Amino acid sequence: MVNKELLDMLRCPHCVQESDGLLEYYKDSWLICQDCDRKYPIVDDIPVMLIDEGDKWIETGKEDLPVPPPPMD
């Protein structure tokens, strides 16, 4: 499980310059941006906050996200 203090500090790297970039913690496996809908996987309790990684999942509905996320390429 990701530390609550860390979750409170994290923001979407794509949106943070222009908006709040707030993230929803979803099923202990994903962080979903409330502004742009990019989805960032959490692998081994480490959020992968790379814009390219969030781009991979932008078209996937949150109900369709794999839990746990697949291994990184």
C-alpha atoms as a PDB file:
ATOM      1  CA  MET A   1       0.000   0.000   0.000  1.00  0.00           C
ATOM      2  CA  VAL A   2       1.233   3.489  -0.867  1.00  0.00           C
ATOM      3  CA  ASN A   3       1.913   5.858   2.024  1.00  0.00           C
ATOM      4  CA  LYS A   4      -1.020   8.260   2.588  1.00  0.00           C
ATOM      5  CA  GLU A   5       1.316  11.262   2.975  1.00  0.00           C
ATOM      6  CA  LEU A   6       2.889  10.492  -0.412  1.00  0.00           C
ATOM      7  CA  LEU A   7      -0.537  10.175  -2.031  1.00  0.00           C
ATOM      8  CA  ASP A   8      -1.528  13.573  -0.653  1.00  0.00           C
ATOM      9  CA  MET A   9       1.549  15.177  -2.265  1.00  0.00           C
ATOM     10  CA  LEU A  10       1.407  13.513  -5.690  1.00  0.00           C
ATOM     11  CA  ARG A  11      -0.107  15.340  -8.660  1.00  0.00           C
ATOM     12  CA  CYS A  12      -0.461  14.475 -12.336  1.00  0.00           C
ATOM     13  CA  PRO A  13       2.809  15.523 -14.013  1.00  0.00           C
ATOM     14  CA  HIS A  14       0.904  16.445 -17.182  1.00  0.00           C
ATOM     15  CA  CYS A  15      -1.634  18.748 -15.509  1.00  0.00           C
ATOM     16  CA  VAL A  16       0.118  20.213 -12.489  1.00  0.00           C
ATOM     17  CA  GLN A  17       1.398  23.307 -14.362  1.00  0.00           C
ATOM     18  CA  GLU A  18      -2.103  24.350 -15.485  1.00  0.00           C
ATOM     19  CA  SER A  19      -4.495  22.845 -12.930  1.00  0.00           C
ATOM     20  CA  ASP A  20      -4.591  20.990  -9.632  1.00  0.00           C
ATOM     21  CA  GLY A  21      -3.815  17.597 -11.210  1.00  0.00           C
ATOM     22  CA  LEU A  22      -5.533  15.825  -8.325  1.00  0.00           C
ATOM     23  CA  LEU A  23      -5.315  12.051  -8.358  1.00  0.00           C
ATOM     24  CA  GLU A  24      -7.824   9.395  -7.358  1.00  0.00           C
ATOM     25  CA  TYR A  25      -6.346   6.339  -5.636  1.00  0.00           C
ATOM     26  CA  TYR A  26      -8.090   3.414  -7.324  1.00  0.00           C
ATOM     27  CA  LYS A  27      -8.075  -0.195  -6.108  1.00  0.00           C
ATOM     28  CA  ASP A  28      -4.612   0.135  -4.510  1.00  0.00           C
ATOM     29  CA  SER A  29      -3.213  -0.183  -8.064  1.00  0.00           C
ATOM     30  CA  TRP A  30      -3.789   3.060  -9.970  1.00  0.00           C
ATOM     31  CA  LEU A  31      -3.701   6.832  -9.664  1.00  0.00           C
ATOM     32  CA  ILE A  32      -6.214   8.504 -11.976  1.00  0.00           C
ATOM     33  CA  CYS A  33      -5.970  12.203 -12.815  1.00  0.00           C
ATOM     34  CA  GLN A  34      -9.244  14.026 -12.186  1.00  0.00           C
ATOM     35  CA  ASP A  35      -8.416  16.595 -14.900  1.00  0.00           C
ATOM     36  CA  CYS A  36      -7.031  14.689 -17.909  1.00  0.00           C
ATOM     37  CA  ASP A  37      -8.012  11.079 -17.053  1.00  0.00           C
ATOM     38  CA  ARG A  38      -4.464   9.750 -17.421  1.00  0.00           C
ATOM     39  CA  LYS A  39      -3.954   6.628 -15.368  1.00  0.00           C
ATOM     40  CA  TYR A  40      -0.676   5.911 -13.606  1.00  0.00           C
ATOM     41  CA  PRO A  41       0.018   2.350 -12.417  1.00  0.00           C
ATOM     42  CA  ILE A  42       1.339   1.519  -8.977  1.00  0.00           C
ATOM     43  CA  VAL A  43       3.947  -1.241  -9.273  1.00  0.00           C
ATOM     44  CA  ASP A  44       5.386  -2.828  -6.124  1.00  0.00           C
ATOM     45  CA  ASP A  45       3.848   0.012  -4.063  1.00  0.00           C
ATOM     46  CA  ILE A  46       5.643   2.626  -6.207  1.00  0.00           C
ATOM     47  CA  PRO A  47       3.548   5.043  -8.304  1.00  0.00           C
ATOM     48  CA  VAL A  48       4.894   5.228 -11.863  1.00  0.00           C
ATOM     49  CA  MET A  49       4.337   8.933 -12.526  1.00  0.00           C
ATOM     50  CA  LEU A  50       5.680   9.112 -16.083  1.00  0.00           C
ATOM     51  CA  ILE A  51       3.497  10.996 -18.570  1.00  0.00           C
ATOM     52  CA  ASP A  52       4.231   8.362 -21.230  1.00  0.00           C
ATOM     53  CA  GLU A  53       2.934   5.673 -18.879  1.00  0.00           C
ATOM     54  CA  GLY A  54      -0.224   7.667 -18.145  1.00  0.00           C
ATOM     55  CA  ASP A  55      -0.751   8.157 -21.893  1.00  0.00           C
ATOM     56  CA  LYS A  56      -0.865   4.379 -22.430  1.00  0.00           C
ATOM     57  CA  TRP A  57      -4.020   4.098 -20.311  1.00  0.00           C
ATOM     58  CA  ILE A  58      -5.862   7.330 -21.152  1.00  0.00           C
ATOM     59  CA  GLU A  59      -8.415   5.566 -23.384  1.00  0.00           C
ATOM     60  CA  THR A  60      -9.037   2.723 -20.907  1.00  0.00           C
ATOM     61  CA  GLY A  61     -12.055   3.119 -18.664  1.00  0.00           C
ATOM     62  CA  LYS A  62     -11.283   2.891 -14.989  1.00  0.00           C
ATOM     63  CA  GLU A  63     -13.458  -0.221 -14.623  1.00  0.00           C
ATOM     64  CA  ASP A  64     -11.359  -1.896 -17.347  1.00  0.00           C
ATOM     65  CA  LEU A  65      -7.948  -1.239 -15.768  1.00  0.00           C
ATOM     66  CA  PRO A  66      -6.074  -4.448 -14.951  1.00  0.00           C
ATOM     67  CA  VAL A  67      -5.560  -5.109 -11.243  1.00  0.00           C
ATOM     68  CA  PRO A  68      -2.725  -5.488 -10.561  1.00  0.00           C
ATOM     69  CA  PRO A  69      -1.185  -3.451 -13.410  1.00  0.00           C
ATOM     70  CA  PRO A  70       0.920  -5.386 -15.898  1.00  0.00           C
ATOM     71  CA  PRO A  71       4.720  -5.365 -15.508  1.00  0.00           C
ATOM     72  CA  MET A  72       6.517  -2.363 -16.981  1.00  0.00           C
ATOM     73  CA  ASP A  73       7.994  -2.694 -20.492  1.00  0.00           C
END
